[in-house]
C-alpha cells in the first residue's frame, strides 16, 4: 500500500511540474505561453528543455532569417486564428520542411534551418 501511495505522489508531482512549464499546456491569463507573448513565434536557447525564456521573438508575417542557431531548440507558435509558422532550409523562407500550426510547438534541430516564416491563415 505504501508503494502505491508513493507512486501516486510521485506522479502528482510530475504532472504538476509539466503543467507549470506551459509547454504543451494552456498559457497564462495574458495569453503568454512559456514566456512567449500572445501573437508571437518564439525560439528558445539551445537545449533549453522545458522552454521557459525565449531568445528570439518574431511578430511580423513573412520570412525571418536565422543566424548562429545550432542543435535542438524549442520553437513555439503562439499565434492565433490559424496562423502557421514554417521552418525552412533556405534563407528568405525557401525550402520549408516543417509546419507548426498555431498553438503548437516543436523541439527541432535548427542546424540545417536558415529561416522561419510566419504565415497568415
Protein backbone atom coordinates (compact mmCIF):
# COMPACT_ATOMS: atom_id res chain seq x y z
CA UNK A 1 0.00 0.00 0.00
CA UNK A 2 2.89 2.37 0.76
CA UNK A 3 4.33 1.77 -2.72
CA UNK A 4 1.04 2.69 -4.35
CA UNK A 5 0.72 5.84 -2.24
CA UNK A 6 4.31 6.82 -3.06
CA UNK A 7 3.78 6.15 -6.78
CA UNK A 8 0.65 8.32 -6.80
CA UNK A 9 2.52 11.12 -5.01
CA UNK A 10 5.43 10.97 -7.48
CA UNK A 11 3.00 11.01 -10.41
CA UNK A 12 1.17 14.03 -8.96
CA UNK A 13 4.43 15.96 -8.60
CA UNK A 14 5.46 15.10 -12.18
CA UNK A 15 2.10 16.24 -13.58
CA UNK A 16 2.31 19.49 -11.60
CA UNK A 17 5.82 20.16 -12.94
CA UNK A 18 4.76 19.59 -16.55
CA UNK A 19 1.70 21.80 -16.18
CA UNK A 20 3.64 24.75 -14.80
CA UNK A 21 6.16 24.82 -17.67
CA UNK A 22 3.47 25.78 -20.17
CA UNK A 23 4.99 23.65 -22.95
CA UNK A 24 2.17 21.54 -24.26
CA UNK A 25 -0.25 23.07 -21.78
CA UNK A 26 -2.52 26.07 -21.56
CA UNK A 27 -0.92 29.50 -21.49
CA UNK A 28 -1.09 32.20 -18.84
CA UNK A 29 -4.02 34.56 -18.35
CA UNK A 30 -2.31 37.19 -20.55
CA UNK A 31 -2.03 34.67 -23.40
CA UNK A 32 1.70 34.07 -22.99
CA UNK A 33 2.99 30.51 -23.23
CA UNK A 34 6.34 29.52 -21.72
CA UNK A 35 7.38 33.17 -21.86
CA UNK A 36 6.28 33.56 -25.49
CA UNK A 37 3.86 36.51 -25.83
CA UNK A 38 0.46 36.01 -27.41
CA UNK A 39 0.64 36.56 -31.18
CA UNK A 40 4.35 35.73 -31.49
CA UNK A 41 6.55 32.85 -32.61
CA UNK A 42 9.43 32.18 -30.21
CA UNK A 43 12.75 30.37 -30.45
CA UNK A 44 14.39 29.23 -27.22
CA UNK A 45 18.09 28.76 -26.44
CA UNK A 46 19.76 25.52 -27.48
CA UNK A 47 18.83 22.55 -25.28
CA UNK A 48 16.57 24.62 -23.00
CA UNK A 49 14.07 21.93 -22.08
CA UNK A 50 11.47 22.72 -20.96
CA UNK A 51 11.11 26.01 -22.78
CA UNK A 52 10.89 28.90 -20.33
CA UNK A 53 12.57 32.05 -21.68
CA UNK A 54 12.78 32.74 -25.43
CA UNK A 55 15.97 34.02 -27.02
CA UNK A 56 14.19 35.24 -30.18
CA UNK A 57 10.63 36.55 -30.59
CA UNK A 58 9.07 37.13 -34.03
CA UNK A 59 5.92 39.19 -34.52
CA UNK A 60 5.56 40.09 -38.19
CA UNK A 61 4.33 37.91 -41.02
CA UNK A 62 6.88 36.85 -43.60
CA UNK A 63 10.35 35.32 -43.52
CA UNK A 64 12.89 35.80 -40.74
CA UNK A 65 16.44 34.61 -41.37
CA UNK A 66 18.21 32.79 -38.53
CA UNK A 67 21.86 33.15 -37.62
CA UNK A 68 24.02 31.04 -35.32
CA UNK A 69 21.28 28.56 -34.36
CA UNK A 70 22.58 25.02 -33.96
CA UNK A 71 21.31 21.96 -32.14
CA UNK A 72 17.90 21.37 -30.60
CA UNK A 73 15.66 24.33 -29.80
CA UNK A 74 12.03 24.69 -28.85
CA UNK A 75 10.07 26.73 -31.40
CA UNK A 76 6.60 27.72 -30.19
CA UNK A 77 3.89 29.21 -32.39
CA UNK A 78 1.79 31.32 -30.02
CA UNK A 79 -0.13 32.99 -32.87
CA UNK A 80 -3.89 32.58 -33.10
CA UNK A 81 -6.57 32.41 -35.74
CA UNK A 82 -4.97 29.58 -37.67
CA UNK A 83 -1.67 31.36 -38.44
CA UNK A 84 1.19 28.95 -39.16
CA UNK A 85 4.96 29.10 -38.77
CA UNK A 86 7.32 27.15 -41.01
CA UNK A 87 10.92 26.05 -40.52
CA UNK A 88 12.82 26.46 -43.78
CA UNK A 89 16.21 25.25 -45.02
CA UNK A 90 16.65 28.19 -47.37
CA UNK A 91 17.06 31.83 -46.45
CA UNK A 92 14.11 34.12 -47.03
CA UNK A 93 11.61 31.33 -46.41
CA UNK A 94 12.74 28.93 -49.15
CA UNK A 95 12.54 25.13 -48.96
CA UNK A 96 10.27 24.92 -45.92
CA UNK A 97 10.36 21.49 -44.29
CA UNK A 98 8.26 21.73 -41.13
CA UNK A 99 4.85 23.30 -40.46
CA UNK A 100 3.94 24.47 -36.95
CA UNK A 101 0.21 25.24 -36.56
CA UNK A 102 -0.99 27.96 -34.19
CA UNK A 103 -0.84 26.89 -30.55
CA UNK A 104 1.77 24.17 -31.20
CA UNK A 105 5.49 23.82 -30.66
CA UNK A 106 8.34 21.60 -31.77
CA UNK A 107 11.75 20.64 -30.37
CA UNK A 108 13.83 20.70 -33.54
CA UNK A 109 17.47 20.69 -34.69
CA UNK A 110 17.89 24.16 -36.16
CA UNK A 111 21.34 23.42 -37.62
CA UNK A 112 20.02 22.96 -41.16
CA UNK A 113 17.28 25.59 -40.71
CA UNK A 114 18.08 29.06 -42.11
CA UNK A 115 14.74 30.84 -41.76
CA UNK A 116 11.33 30.83 -40.11
CA UNK A 117 8.19 32.13 -41.76
CA UNK A 118 5.09 33.46 -40.04
CA UNK A 119 2.14 32.95 -42.34
CA UNK A 120 -1.38 34.39 -42.29
CA UNK A 121 -4.23 31.90 -42.19
